[in-house]
Amino acid sequence: MNTVPAMRPAHYQPRRRPRPLMTGFSVTALVLGCVALAFSPVPIVNNLGFFCGVLGIIFGLIATIRARRWMPVFGIATATLGIVITLVLQAKWARELDEIQRDLDQFQHHRLAADRNI
């Protein structure tokens, strides 16, 4: 048996390693953005979604700067949308709770006034 290694052509140059895709950061940004978007309409749990959105934006920015791909951009977009929805809904719910509290205070005041007149 003749075991001669295969000869490479003289013009052969080894391939350069491609730039890393940063898929770990990209996927993390996208998943955290989706979690933020999914949790945003759920009261109480949307606080966790807010923090997932912030982390998703951070991971997405890191992946975008290093890899310049589209997946982290979608992660940033979903995380931002989740944060915006969370803040809008929390403001709405806070106004509604203030209105309910005002109505309860008014009801209690009228009830006390009625009890004094009896």
PDB file of N, CA and C in Angstrom:
ATOM      1  N   MET A   1       0.840  -1.172   0.000  1.00  0.00           N
ATOM      2  CA  MET A   1       0.000   0.000   0.000  1.00  0.00           C
ATOM      3  C   MET A   1       0.882   1.230   0.000  1.00  0.00           C
ATOM      4  N   ASN A   2       0.510   2.111  -0.837  1.00  0.00           N
ATOM      5  CA  ASN A   2       1.244   3.366  -0.934  1.00  0.00           C
ATOM      6  C   ASN A   2       0.404   4.449  -0.283  1.00  0.00           C
ATOM      7  N   THR A   3       0.835   4.988   0.822  1.00  0.00           N
ATOM      8  CA  THR A   3       0.079   6.018   1.544  1.00  0.00           C
ATOM      9  C   THR A   3       0.753   7.359   1.362  1.00  0.00           C
ATOM     10  N   VAL A   4       0.442   7.972   0.255  1.00  0.00           N
ATOM     11  CA  VAL A   4       0.989   9.290  -0.028  1.00  0.00           C
ATOM     12  C   VAL A   4      -0.108  10.309   0.246  1.00  0.00           C
ATOM     13  N   PRO A   5       0.151  11.309   1.046  1.00  0.00           N
ATOM     14  CA  PRO A   5      -0.893  12.300   1.314  1.00  0.00           C
ATOM     15  C   PRO A   5      -1.263  13.041   0.027  1.00  0.00           C
ATOM     16  N   ALA A   6      -2.532  13.390  -0.053  1.00  0.00           N
ATOM     17  CA  ALA A   6      -3.005  14.114  -1.240  1.00  0.00           C
ATOM     18  C   ALA A   6      -2.331  15.481  -1.280  1.00  0.00           C
ATOM     19  N   MET A   7      -1.868  15.825  -2.434  1.00  0.00           N
ATOM     20  CA  MET A   7      -1.202  17.117  -2.614  1.00  0.00           C
ATOM     21  C   MET A   7      -2.236  18.189  -2.919  1.00  0.00           C
ATOM     22  N   ARG A   8      -2.065  19.318  -2.340  1.00  0.00           N
ATOM     23  CA  ARG A   8      -2.961  20.434  -2.603  1.00  0.00           C
ATOM     24  C   ARG A   8      -2.362  21.276  -3.713  1.00  0.00           C
ATOM     25  N   PRO A   9      -3.198  21.885  -4.532  1.00  0.00           N
ATOM     26  CA  PRO A   9      -2.673  22.755  -5.579  1.00  0.00           C
ATOM     27  C   PRO A   9      -1.874  23.902  -4.966  1.00  0.00           C
ATOM     28  N   ALA A  10      -0.963  24.440  -5.727  1.00  0.00           N
ATOM     29  CA  ALA A  10      -0.085  25.502  -5.233  1.00  0.00           C
ATOM     30  C   ALA A  10      -0.866  26.769  -4.883  1.00  0.00           C
ATOM     31  N   HIS A  11      -1.981  27.009  -5.547  1.00  0.00           N
ATOM     32  CA  HIS A  11      -2.762  28.224  -5.297  1.00  0.00           C
ATOM     33  C   HIS A  11      -3.757  28.055  -4.147  1.00  0.00           C
ATOM     34  N   TYR A  12      -3.766  26.885  -3.530  1.00  0.00           N
ATOM     35  CA  TYR A  12      -4.711  26.627  -2.442  1.00  0.00           C
ATOM     36  C   TYR A  12      -4.363  27.450  -1.212  1.00  0.00           C
ATOM     37  N   GLN A  13      -5.371  28.095  -0.695  1.00  0.00           N
ATOM     38  CA  GLN A  13      -5.226  28.814   0.571  1.00  0.00           C
ATOM     39  C   GLN A  13      -6.309  28.319   1.503  1.00  0.00           C
ATOM     40  N   PRO A  14      -5.970  28.051   2.721  1.00  0.00           N
ATOM     41  CA  PRO A  14      -7.014  27.574   3.641  1.00  0.00           C
ATOM     42  C   PRO A  14      -8.086  28.649   3.817  1.00  0.00           C
ATOM     43  N   ARG A  15      -9.296  28.184   3.986  1.00  0.00           N
ATOM     44  CA  ARG A  15     -10.410  29.121   4.169  1.00  0.00           C
ATOM     45  C   ARG A  15     -10.265  29.857   5.492  1.00  0.00           C
ATOM     46  N   ARG A  16     -10.587  31.100   5.429  1.00  0.00           N
ATOM     47  CA  ARG A  16     -10.618  31.868   6.680  1.00  0.00           C
ATOM     48  C   ARG A  16     -11.887  31.515   7.417  1.00  0.00           C
ATOM     49  N   ARG A  17     -11.768  31.543   8.689  1.00  0.00           N
ATOM     50  CA  ARG A  17     -12.966  31.290   9.480  1.00  0.00           C
ATOM     51  C   ARG A  17     -13.921  32.450   9.301  1.00  0.00           C
ATOM     52  N   PRO A  18     -15.190  32.143   9.060  1.00  0.00           N
ATOM     53  CA  PRO A  18     -16.148  33.244   8.910  1.00  0.00           C
ATOM     54  C   PRO A  18     -16.336  33.968  10.239  1.00  0.00           C
ATOM     55  N   ARG A  19     -16.751  35.182  10.128  1.00  0.00           N
ATOM     56  CA  ARG A  19     -17.014  35.984  11.322  1.00  0.00           C
ATOM     57  C   ARG A  19     -18.090  35.291  12.146  1.00  0.00           C
ATOM     58  N   PRO A  20     -17.931  35.206  13.452  1.00  0.00           N
ATOM     59  CA  PRO A  20     -18.950  34.513  14.253  1.00  0.00           C
ATOM     60  C   PRO A  20     -20.298  35.209  14.133  1.00  0.00           C
ATOM     61  N   LEU A  21     -21.319  34.384  14.077  1.00  0.00           N
ATOM     62  CA  LEU A  21     -22.665  34.923  13.904  1.00  0.00           C
ATOM     63  C   LEU A  21     -23.279  35.418  15.208  1.00  0.00           C
ATOM     64  N   MET A  22     -22.657  35.114  16.318  1.00  0.00           N
ATOM     65  CA  MET A  22     -23.191  35.509  17.619  1.00  0.00           C
ATOM     66  C   MET A  22     -24.608  34.975  17.787  1.00  0.00           C
ATOM     67  N   THR A  23     -24.827  33.753  17.345  1.00  0.00           N
ATOM     68  CA  THR A  23     -26.182  33.211  17.396  1.00  0.00           C
ATOM     69  C   THR A  23     -26.691  33.093  18.820  1.00  0.00           C
ATOM     70  N   GLY A  24     -25.803  32.879  19.790  1.00  0.00           N
ATOM     71  CA  GLY A  24     -26.260  32.782  21.175  1.00  0.00           C
ATOM     72  C   GLY A  24     -26.892  34.075  21.649  1.00  0.00           C
ATOM     73  N   PHE A  25     -26.225  35.199  21.422  1.00  0.00           N
ATOM     74  CA  PHE A  25     -26.789  36.491  21.814  1.00  0.00           C
ATOM     75  C   PHE A  25     -28.018  36.835  20.979  1.00  0.00           C
ATOM     76  N   SER A  26     -27.982  36.493  19.702  1.00  0.00           N
ATOM     77  CA  SER A  26     -29.109  36.807  18.817  1.00  0.00           C
ATOM     78  C   SER A  26     -30.361  36.047  19.233  1.00  0.00           C
ATOM     79  N   VAL A  27     -30.200  34.755  19.470  1.00  0.00           N
ATOM     80  CA  VAL A  27     -31.348  33.933  19.877  1.00  0.00           C
ATOM     81  C   VAL A  27     -31.847  34.367  21.247  1.00  0.00           C
ATOM     82  N   THR A  28     -30.921  34.676  22.148  1.00  0.00           N
ATOM     83  CA  THR A  28     -31.316  35.139  23.486  1.00  0.00           C
ATOM     84  C   THR A  28     -32.112  36.432  23.396  1.00  0.00           C
ATOM     85  N   ALA A  29     -31.674  37.355  22.562  1.00  0.00           N
ATOM     86  CA  ALA A  29     -32.398  38.614  22.393  1.00  0.00           C
ATOM     87  C   ALA A  29     -33.789  38.372  21.844  1.00  0.00           C
ATOM     88  N   LEU A  30     -33.888  37.481  20.860  1.00  0.00           N
ATOM     89  CA  LEU A  30     -35.192  37.202  20.261  1.00  0.00           C
ATOM     90  C   LEU A  30     -36.123  36.505  21.246  1.00  0.00           C
ATOM     91  N   VAL A  31     -35.611  35.540  21.990  1.00  0.00           N
ATOM     92  CA  VAL A  31     -36.444  34.824  22.963  1.00  0.00           C
ATOM     93  C   VAL A  31     -36.896  35.768  24.081  1.00  0.00           C
ATOM     94  N   LEU A  32     -35.978  36.573  24.605  1.00  0.00           N
ATOM     95  CA  LEU A  32     -36.361  37.519  25.657  1.00  0.00           C
ATOM     96  C   LEU A  32     -37.353  38.557  25.138  1.00  0.00           C
ATOM     97  N   GLY A  33     -37.194  38.973  23.892  1.00  0.00           N
ATOM     98  CA  GLY A  33     -38.164  39.899  23.300  1.00  0.00           C
ATOM     99  C   GLY A  33     -39.536  39.270  23.177  1.00  0.00           C
ATOM    100  N   CYS A  34     -39.586  38.003  22.772  1.00  0.00           N
ATOM    101  CA  CYS A  34     -40.879  37.311  22.667  1.00  0.00           C
ATOM    102  C   CYS A  34     -41.517  37.113  24.035  1.00  0.00           C
ATOM    103  N   VAL A  35     -40.700  36.811  25.048  1.00  0.00           N
ATOM    104  CA  VAL A  35     -41.223  36.669  26.413  1.00  0.00           C
ATOM    105  C   VAL A  35     -41.784  38.008  26.897  1.00  0.00           C
ATOM    106  N   ALA A  36     -41.062  39.083  26.629  1.00  0.00           N
ATOM    107  CA  ALA A  36     -41.541  40.412  27.030  1.00  0.00           C
ATOM    108  C   ALA A  36     -42.850  40.740  26.341  1.00  0.00           C
ATOM    109  N   LEU A  37     -42.952  40.394  25.085  1.00  0.00           N
ATOM    110  CA  LEU A  37     -44.175  40.665  24.330  1.00  0.00           C
ATOM    111  C   LEU A  37     -45.333  39.800  24.824  1.00  0.00           C
ATOM    112  N   ALA A  38     -45.041  38.550  25.167  1.00  0.00           N
ATOM    113  CA  ALA A  38     -46.096  37.647  25.642  1.00  0.00           C
ATOM    114  C   ALA A  38     -46.589  38.023  27.036  1.00  0.00           C
ATOM    115  N   PHE A  39     -45.693  38.468  27.912  1.00  0.00           N
ATOM    116  CA  PHE A  39     -46.069  38.798  29.287  1.00  0.00           C
ATOM    117  C   PHE A  39     -46.638  40.209  29.431  1.00  0.00           C
ATOM    118  N   SER A  40     -46.502  41.047  28.434  1.00  0.00           N
ATOM    119  CA  SER A  40     -46.881  42.455  28.578  1.00  0.00           C
ATOM    120  C   SER A  40     -48.365  42.683  28.886  1.00  0.00           C
ATOM    121  N   PRO A  41     -49.313  41.905  28.352  1.00  0.00           N
ATOM    122  CA  PRO A  41     -50.713  42.200  28.697  1.00  0.00           C
ATOM    123  C   PRO A  41     -51.194  41.547  29.991  1.00  0.00           C
ATOM    124  N   VAL A  42     -50.337  40.807  30.680  1.00  0.00           N
ATOM    125  CA  VAL A  42     -50.756  40.088  31.886  1.00  0.00           C
ATOM    126  C   VAL A  42     -50.377  40.910  33.119  1.00  0.00           C
ATOM    127  N   PRO A  43     -51.369  41.334  33.912  1.00  0.00           N
ATOM    128  CA  PRO A  43     -51.048  42.121  35.104  1.00  0.00           C
ATOM    129  C   PRO A  43     -50.118  41.348  36.052  1.00  0.00           C
ATOM    130  N   ILE A  44     -49.313  42.050  36.779  1.00  0.00           N
ATOM    131  CA  ILE A  44     -48.329  41.549  37.738  1.00  0.00           C
ATOM    132  C   ILE A  44     -47.168  40.851  37.019  1.00  0.00           C
ATOM    133  N   VAL A  45     -47.457  39.892  36.158  1.00  0.00           N
ATOM    134  CA  VAL A  45     -46.413  39.149  35.449  1.00  0.00           C
ATOM    135  C   VAL A  45     -45.700  40.062  34.442  1.00  0.00           C
ATOM    136  N   ASN A  46     -46.375  41.135  34.029  1.00  0.00           N
ATOM    137  CA  ASN A  46     -45.754  42.016  33.032  1.00  0.00           C
ATOM    138  C   ASN A  46     -44.512  42.719  33.584  1.00  0.00           C
ATOM    139  N   ASN A  47     -44.361  42.749  34.905  1.00  0.00           N
ATOM    140  CA  ASN A  47     -43.116  43.295  35.470  1.00  0.00           C
ATOM    141  C   ASN A  47     -41.923  42.415  35.098  1.00  0.00           C
ATOM    142  N   LEU A  48     -42.107  41.110  35.132  1.00  0.00           N
ATOM    143  CA  LEU A  48     -41.067  40.189  34.690  1.00  0.00           C
ATOM    144  C   LEU A  48     -40.810  40.377  33.188  1.00  0.00           C
ATOM    145  N   GLY A  49     -41.885  40.566  32.431  1.00  0.00           N
ATOM    146  CA  GLY A  49     -41.744  40.818  30.996  1.00  0.00           C
ATOM    147  C   GLY A  49     -40.974  42.094  30.704  1.00  0.00           C
ATOM    148  N   PHE A  50     -41.155  43.102  31.540  1.00  0.00           N
ATOM    149  CA  PHE A  50     -40.413  44.358  31.375  1.00  0.00           C
ATOM    150  C   PHE A  50     -38.912  44.115  31.510  1.00  0.00           C
ATOM    151  N   PHE A  51     -38.522  43.369  32.546  1.00  0.00           N
ATOM    152  CA  PHE A  51     -37.097  43.096  32.749  1.00  0.00           C
ATOM    153  C   PHE A  51     -36.534  42.187  31.660  1.00  0.00           C
ATOM    154  N   CYS A  52     -37.341  41.250  31.180  1.00  0.00           N
ATOM    155  CA  CYS A  52     -36.904  40.430  30.037  1.00  0.00           C
ATOM    156  C   CYS A  52     -36.705  41.308  28.802  1.00  0.00           C
ATOM    157  N   GLY A  53     -37.568  42.305  28.630  1.00  0.00           N
ATOM    158  CA  GLY A  53     -37.413  43.221  27.500  1.00  0.00           C
ATOM    159  C   GLY A  53     -36.141  44.035  27.589  1.00  0.00           C
ATOM    160  N   VAL A  54     -35.823  44.493  28.784  1.00  0.00           N
ATOM    161  CA  VAL A  54     -34.578  45.256  28.962  1.00  0.00           C
ATOM    162  C   VAL A  54     -33.372  44.374  28.649  1.00  0.00           C
ATOM    163  N   LEU A  55     -33.376  43.153  29.161  1.00  0.00           N
ATOM    164  CA  LEU A  55     -32.268  42.229  28.868  1.00  0.00           C
ATOM    165  C   LEU A  55     -32.216  41.883  27.382  1.00  0.00           C
ATOM    166  N   GLY A  56     -33.385  41.740  26.766  1.00  0.00           N
ATOM    167  CA  GLY A  56     -33.426  41.453  25.333  1.00  0.00           C
ATOM    168  C   GLY A  56     -32.819  42.571  24.508  1.00  0.00           C
ATOM    169  N   ILE A  57     -33.078  43.805  24.899  1.00  0.00           N
ATOM    170  CA  ILE A  57     -32.477  44.942  24.197  1.00  0.00           C
ATOM    171  C   ILE A  57     -30.962  44.938  24.378  1.00  0.00           C
ATOM    172  N   ILE A  58     -30.494  44.664  25.590  1.00  0.00           N
ATOM    173  CA  ILE A  58     -29.039  44.636  25.840  1.00  0.00           C
ATOM    174  C   ILE A  58     -28.362  43.545  25.012  1.00  0.00           C
ATOM    175  N   PHE A  59     -28.902  42.324  25.055  1.00  0.00           N
ATOM    176  CA  PHE A  59     -28.316  41.229  24.269  1.00  0.00           C
ATOM    177  C   PHE A  59     -28.418  41.518  22.776  1.00  0.00           C
ATOM    178  N   GLY A  60     -29.527  42.103  22.361  1.00  0.00           N
ATOM    179  CA  GLY A  60     -29.686  42.423  20.947  1.00  0.00           C
ATOM    180  C   GLY A  60     -28.684  43.459  20.469  1.00  0.00           C
ATOM    181  N   LEU A  61     -28.427  44.462  21.297  1.00  0.00           N
ATOM    182  CA  LEU A  61     -27.441  45.473  20.921  1.00  0.00           C
ATOM    183  C   LEU A  61     -26.037  44.880  20.830  1.00  0.00           C
ATOM    184  N   ILE A  62     -25.693  44.013  21.774  1.00  0.00           N
ATOM    185  CA  ILE A  62     -24.382  43.369  21.728  1.00  0.00           C
ATOM    186  C   ILE A  62     -24.251  42.533  20.456  1.00  0.00           C
ATOM    187  N   ALA A  63     -25.281  41.746  20.157  1.00  0.00           N
ATOM    188  CA  ALA A  63     -25.224  40.880  18.967  1.00  0.00           C
ATOM    189  C   ALA A  63     -25.221  41.698  17.683  1.00  0.00           C
ATOM    190  N   THR A  64     -25.940  42.809  17.656  1.00  0.00           N
ATOM    191  CA  THR A  64     -25.981  43.637  16.455  1.00  0.00           C
ATOM    192  C   THR A  64     -24.629  44.290  16.208  1.00  0.00           C
ATOM    193  N   ILE A  65     -23.997  44.767  17.246  1.00  0.00           N
ATOM    194  CA  ILE A  65     -22.695  45.422  17.090  1.00  0.00           C
ATOM    195  C   ILE A  65     -21.644  44.415  16.630  1.00  0.00           C
ATOM    196  N   ARG A  66     -21.658  43.223  17.197  1.00  0.00           N
ATOM    197  CA  ARG A  66     -20.613  42.248  16.883  1.00  0.00           C
ATOM    198  C   ARG A  66     -20.862  41.489  15.583  1.00  0.00           C
ATOM    199  N   ALA A  67     -22.108  41.155  15.265  1.00  0.00           N
ATOM    200  CA  ALA A  67     -22.356  40.271  14.129  1.00  0.00           C
ATOM    201  C   ALA A  67     -23.038  40.968  12.956  1.00  0.00           C
ATOM    202  N   ARG A  68     -23.729  42.044  13.202  1.00  0.00           N
ATOM    203  CA  ARG A  68     -24.459  42.778  12.167  1.00  0.00           C
ATOM    204  C   ARG A  68     -25.384  41.857  11.374  1.00  0.00           C
ATOM    205  N   ARG A  69     -26.271  41.202  12.069  1.00  0.00           N
ATOM    206  CA  ARG A  69     -27.273  40.324  11.459  1.00  0.00           C
ATOM    207  C   ARG A  69     -28.659  40.850  11.768  1.00  0.00           C
ATOM    208  N   TRP A  70     -29.672  40.221  11.170  1.00  0.00           N
ATOM    209  CA  TRP A  70     -31.041  40.709  11.342  1.00  0.00           C
ATOM    210  C   TRP A  70     -31.749  40.126  12.560  1.00  0.00           C
ATOM    211  N   MET A  71     -31.388  38.941  13.001  1.00  0.00           N
ATOM    212  CA  MET A  71     -32.104  38.337  14.122  1.00  0.00           C
ATOM    213  C   MET A  71     -32.067  39.188  15.382  1.00  0.00           C
ATOM    214  N   PRO A  72     -30.925  39.752  15.773  1.00  0.00           N
ATOM    215  CA  PRO A  72     -30.956  40.590  16.978  1.00  0.00           C
ATOM    216  C   PRO A  72     -31.781  41.854  16.798  1.00  0.00           C
ATOM    217  N   VAL A  73     -31.916  42.321  15.575  1.00  0.00           N
ATOM    218  CA  VAL A  73     -32.758  43.502  15.330  1.00  0.00           C
ATOM    219  C   VAL A  73     -34.214  43.160  15.623  1.00  0.00           C
ATOM    220  N   PHE A  74     -34.647  41.959  15.212  1.00  0.00           N
ATOM    221  CA  PHE A  74     -36.001  41.533  15.548  1.00  0.00           C
ATOM    222  C   PHE A  74     -36.160  41.328  17.048  1.00  0.00           C
ATOM    223  N   GLY A  75     -35.121  40.851  17.704  1.00  0.00           N
ATOM    224  CA  GLY A  75     -35.159  40.718  19.161  1.00  0.00           C
ATOM    225  C   GLY A  75     -35.311  42.065  19.844  1.00  0.00           C
ATOM    226  N   ILE A  76     -34.562  43.061  19.352  1.00  0.00           N
ATOM    227  CA  ILE A  76     -34.678  44.416  19.909  1.00  0.00           C
ATOM    228  C   ILE A  76     -36.071  44.969  19.666  1.00  0.00           C
ATOM    229  N   ALA A  77     -36.614  44.730  18.472  1.00  0.00           N
ATOM    230  CA  ALA A  77     -37.948  45.247  18.145  1.00  0.00           C
ATOM    231  C   ALA A  77     -39.025  44.620  19.028  1.00  0.00           C
ATOM    232  N   THR A  78     -38.987  43.293  19.213  1.00  0.00           N
ATOM    233  CA  THR A  78     -40.006  42.650  20.047  1.00  0.00           C
ATOM    234  C   THR A  78     -39.850  43.046  21.514  1.00  0.00           C
ATOM    235  N   ALA A  79     -38.609  43.183  21.972  1.00  0.00           N
ATOM    236  CA  ALA A  79     -38.390  43.599  23.363  1.00  0.00           C
ATOM    237  C   ALA A  79     -38.893  45.019  23.591  1.00  0.00           C
ATOM    238  N   THR A  80     -38.616  45.912  22.648  1.00  0.00           N
ATOM    239  CA  THR A  80     -39.085  47.302  22.772  1.00  0.00           C
ATOM    240  C   THR A  80     -40.604  47.361  22.748  1.00  0.00           C
ATOM    241  N   LEU A  81     -41.212  46.597  21.860  1.00  0.00           N
ATOM    242  CA  LEU A  81     -42.681  46.574  21.787  1.00  0.00           C
ATOM    243  C   LEU A  81     -43.277  46.032  23.086  1.00  0.00           C
ATOM    244  N   GLY A  82     -42.655  44.991  23.652  1.00  0.00           N
ATOM    245  CA  GLY A  82     -43.129  44.456  24.932  1.00  0.00           C
ATOM    246  C   GLY A  82     -43.023  45.468  26.047  1.00  0.00           C
ATOM    247  N   ILE A  83     -41.935  46.222  26.082  1.00  0.00           N
ATOM    248  CA  ILE A  83     -41.763  47.255  27.111  1.00  0.00           C
ATOM    249  C   ILE A  83     -42.795  48.358  26.944  1.00  0.00           C
ATOM    250  N   VAL A  84     -43.011  48.799  25.715  1.00  0.00           N
ATOM    251  CA  VAL A  84     -43.977  49.878  25.470  1.00  0.00           C
ATOM    252  C   VAL A  84     -45.382  49.436  25.863  1.00  0.00           C
ATOM    253  N   ILE A  85     -45.770  48.229  25.467  1.00  0.00           N
ATOM    254  CA  ILE A  85     -47.109  47.731  25.826  1.00  0.00           C
ATOM    255  C   ILE A  85     -47.242  47.621  27.340  1.00  0.00           C
ATOM    256  N   THR A  86     -46.209  47.133  28.007  1.00  0.00           N
ATOM    257  CA  THR A  86     -46.235  47.027  29.469  1.00  0.00           C
ATOM    258  C   THR A  86     -46.445  48.390  30.118  1.00  0.00           C
ATOM    259  N   LEU A  87     -45.684  49.380  29.688  1.00  0.00           N
ATOM    260  CA  LEU A  87     -45.798  50.713  30.302  1.00  0.00           C
ATOM    261  C   LEU A  87     -47.157  51.349  30.031  1.00  0.00           C
ATOM    262  N   VAL A  88     -47.667  51.190  28.822  1.00  0.00           N
ATOM    263  CA  VAL A  88     -48.975  51.765  28.487  1.00  0.00           C
ATOM    264  C   VAL A  88     -50.078  51.107  29.313  1.00  0.00           C
ATOM    265  N   LEU A  89     -50.048  49.773  29.403  1.00  0.00           N
ATOM    266  CA  LEU A  89     -51.086  49.084  30.163  1.00  0.00           C
ATOM    267  C   LEU A  89     -50.982  49.359  31.661  1.00  0.00           C
ATOM    268  N   GLN A  90     -49.759  49.463  32.186  1.00  0.00           N
ATOM    269  CA  GLN A  90     -49.631  49.781  33.609  1.00  0.00           C
ATOM    270  C   GLN A  90     -50.154  51.181  33.911  1.00  0.00           C
ATOM    271  N   ALA A  91     -49.923  52.126  33.025  1.00  0.00           N
ATOM    272  CA  ALA A  91     -50.461  53.474  33.227  1.00  0.00           C
ATOM    273  C   ALA A  91     -51.989  53.447  33.187  1.00  0.00           C
ATOM    274  N   LYS A  92     -52.545  52.676  32.260  1.00  0.00           N
ATOM    275  CA  LYS A  92     -54.006  52.569  32.156  1.00  0.00           C
ATOM    276  C   LYS A  92     -54.583  51.935  33.417  1.00  0.00           C
ATOM    277  N   TRP A  93     -53.955  50.842  33.878  1.00  0.00           N
ATOM    278  CA  TRP A  93     -54.456  50.168  35.070  1.00  0.00           C
ATOM    279  C   TRP A  93     -54.301  51.043  36.304  1.00  0.00           C
ATOM    280  N   ALA A  94     -53.271  51.832  36.395  1.00  0.00           N
ATOM    281  CA  ALA A  94     -53.088  52.736  37.534  1.00  0.00           C
ATOM    282  C   ALA A  94     -54.192  53.788  37.559  1.00  0.00           C
ATOM    283  N   ARG A  95     -54.537  54.342  36.386  1.00  0.00           N
ATOM    284  CA  ARG A  95     -55.641  55.320  36.324  1.00  0.00           C
ATOM    285  C   ARG A  95     -56.958  54.680  36.752  1.00  0.00           C
ATOM    286  N   GLU A  96     -57.201  53.450  36.290  1.00  0.00           N
ATOM    287  CA  GLU A  96     -58.448  52.772  36.661  1.00  0.00           C
ATOM    288  C   GLU A  96     -58.499  52.467  38.157  1.00  0.00           C
ATOM    289  N   LEU A  97     -57.388  52.053  38.740  1.00  0.00           N
ATOM    290  CA  LEU A  97     -57.366  51.790  40.178  1.00  0.00           C
ATOM    291  C   LEU A  97     -57.554  53.074  40.986  1.00  0.00           C
ATOM    292  N   ASP A  98     -56.977  54.174  40.519  1.00  0.00           N
ATOM    293  CA  ASP A  98     -57.203  55.456  41.192  1.00  0.00           C
ATOM    294  C   ASP A  98     -58.670  55.847  41.143  1.00  0.00           C
ATOM    295  N   GLU A  99     -59.302  55.606  40.006  1.00  0.00           N
ATOM    296  CA  GLU A  99     -60.723  55.935  39.874  1.00  0.00           C
ATOM    297  C   GLU A  99     -61.574  55.055  40.792  1.00  0.00           C
ATOM    298  N   ILE A 100     -61.247  53.784  40.895  1.00  0.00           N
ATOM    299  CA  ILE A 100     -61.973  52.884  41.795  1.00  0.00           C
ATOM    300  C   ILE A 100     -61.775  53.315  43.239  1.00  0.00           C
ATOM    301  N   GLN A 101     -60.556  53.680  43.606  1.00  0.00           N
ATOM    302  CA  GLN A 101     -60.282  54.140  44.969  1.00  0.00           C
ATOM    303  C   GLN A 101     -61.068  55.408  45.281  1.00  0.00           C
ATOM    304  N   ARG A 102     -61.132  56.326  44.325  1.00  0.00           N
ATOM    305  CA  ARG A 102     -61.886  57.563  44.512  1.00  0.00           C
ATOM    306  C   ARG A 102     -63.377  57.264  44.725  1.00  0.00           C
ATOM    307  N   ASP A 103     -63.914  56.322  43.932  1.00  0.00           N
ATOM    308  CA  ASP A 103     -65.324  55.958  44.095  1.00  0.00           C
ATOM    309  C   ASP A 103     -65.576  55.302  45.445  1.00  0.00           C
ATOM    310  N   LEU A 104     -64.646  54.447  45.902  1.00  0.00           N
ATOM    311  CA  LEU A 104     -64.813  53.817  47.204  1.00  0.00           C
ATOM    312  C   LEU A 104     -64.736  54.840  48.337  1.00  0.00           C
ATOM    313  N   ASP A 105     -63.822  55.795  48.238  1.00  0.00           N
ATOM    314  CA  ASP A 105     -63.733  56.840  49.253  1.00  0.00           C
ATOM    315  C   ASP A 105     -65.010  57.672  49.295  1.00  0.00           C
ATOM    316  N   GLN A 106     -65.525  57.986  48.126  1.00  0.00           N
ATOM    317  CA  GLN A 106     -66.762  58.772  48.054  1.00  0.00           C
ATOM    318  C   GLN A 106     -67.930  57.987  48.645  1.00  0.00           C
ATOM    319  N   PHE A 107     -68.011  56.685  48.345  1.00  0.00           N
ATOM    320  CA  PHE A 107     -69.072  55.844  48.887  1.00  0.00           C
ATOM    321  C   PHE A 107     -68.972  55.765  50.403  1.00  0.00           C
ATOM    322  N   GLN A 108     -67.756  55.596  50.926  1.00  0.00           N
ATOM    323  CA  GLN A 108     -67.559  55.512  52.367  1.00  0.00           C
ATOM    324  C   GLN A 108     -67.933  56.840  53.039  1.00  0.00           C
ATOM    325  N   HIS A 109     -67.591  57.951  52.410  1.00  0.00           N
ATOM    326  CA  HIS A 109     -67.936  59.255  52.969  1.00  0.00           C
ATOM    327  C   HIS A 109     -69.450  59.424  53.041  1.00  0.00           C
ATOM    328  N   HIS A 110     -70.177  59.050  51.978  1.00  0.00           N
ATOM    329  CA  HIS A 110     -71.640  59.165  51.990  1.00  0.00           C
ATOM    330  C   HIS A 110     -72.266  58.215  53.005  1.00  0.00           C
ATOM    331  N   ARG A 111     -71.697  57.047  53.167  1.00  0.00           N
ATOM    332  CA  ARG A 111     -72.233  56.094  54.121  1.00  0.00           C
ATOM    333  C   ARG A 111     -72.054  56.592  55.548  1.00  0.00           C
ATOM    334  N   LEU A 112     -70.868  57.182  55.854  1.00  0.00           N
ATOM    335  CA  LEU A 112     -70.654  57.729  57.183  1.00  0.00           C
ATOM    336  C   LEU A 112     -71.591  58.891  57.459  1.00  0.00           C
ATOM    337  N   ALA A 113     -71.807  59.715  56.432  1.00  0.00           N
ATOM    338  CA  ALA A 113     -72.734  60.853  56.599  1.00  0.00           C
ATOM    339  C   ALA A 113     -74.154  60.366  56.843  1.00  0.00           C
ATOM    340  N   ALA A 114     -74.544  59.293  56.167  1.00  0.00           N
ATOM    341  CA  ALA A 114     -75.888  58.737  56.347  1.00  0.00           C
ATOM    342  C   ALA A 114     -76.019  58.113  57.735  1.00  0.00           C
ATOM    343  N   ASP A 115     -74.986  57.485  58.236  1.00  0.00           N
ATOM    344  CA  ASP A 115     -75.032  56.877  59.568  1.00  0.00           C
ATOM    345  C   ASP A 115     -75.155  57.941  60.657  1.00  0.00           C
ATOM    346  N   ARG A 116     -74.562  59.103  60.460  1.00  0.00           N
ATOM    347  CA  ARG A 116     -74.642  60.172  61.451  1.00  0.00           C
ATOM    348  C   ARG A 116     -76.043  60.795  61.514  1.00  0.00           C
ATOM    349  N   ASN A 117     -76.747  60.756  60.395  1.00  0.00           N
ATOM    350  CA  ASN A 117     -78.081  61.370  60.331  1.00  0.00           C
ATOM    351  C   ASN A 117     -79.147  60.447  60.894  1.00  0.00           C
ATOM    352  N   ILE A 118     -78.853  59.232  61.163  1.00  0.00           N
ATOM    353  CA  ILE A 118     -79.860  58.306  61.656  1.00  0.00           C
ATOM    354  C   ILE A 118     -80.138  58.488  63.102  1.00  0.00           C
TER     355      ILE A 118
END
